Amino acid sequence: MSPDNEKLSNSEKNSAFYGKNTNQRAAIVLAGPGANFLFSIVVFFMLFCLVGKPFTPPVIDKIEEGSPAHIAGIQSGDKIISVNGKSVMSFEDLTEIFMINPDKNLKVSVLREEITWETEIVPKSIKVKGIAGTEQNIGVVGISPYTPSIIGSLVSGGPAEKAGLLKGDIIKKIDGINI
């Protein structure tokens, strides 16, 4: 018992930390870290609900000449909205679908300039080595995602600011050349 407890009345001693039994003191000591742990779970849950997970939209930028996507009529700026009736939410989803379906005929719904149309793509099978060194076949279609060039920050008084560019602007062309 603490020396300061000698000056306390019996009711004060019973409510003081040292007046508690071992189980009660253990619960008090663990309550702080437990509350911190639960608070972190709530914060992460709220972040994922409000902010979400970053992803790349399924919008096509570049198409390799002669690739399965080129043969199917896919063009830069097209948005893939579904494959075999399954909605595609991200370019990562699209890549996974093509990878696991080499040499299979896939029905693809494409959105181009507000018009939806369908085509068929057969991902070309290529051999790759996996993490364990085993070879496996994956499907590729010869596309890359659209990743806009967004201005993140400007130098105060710099040429970009003087030209009227703002943070968040998307650069699409430089000297008339698409980037």
Foldseek 3Di string as FASTA:
>chain_A
DDPVCVPDDPVVLCVDLVNDDPVVNVCVVVVVVVVVVVVVVVVVVVCCVPVNDDAFFQFWADFDPPFQCVVQPDDHGKGWQDKQPHGDGHVVSVQVVQFVQAQDWIWIWIADPNDIDITIGHFHWDWDADPVRDIDITGDGGTDGDDWDFAQDDDVVDPCVVVPDDGGDTDQDDPNHGD
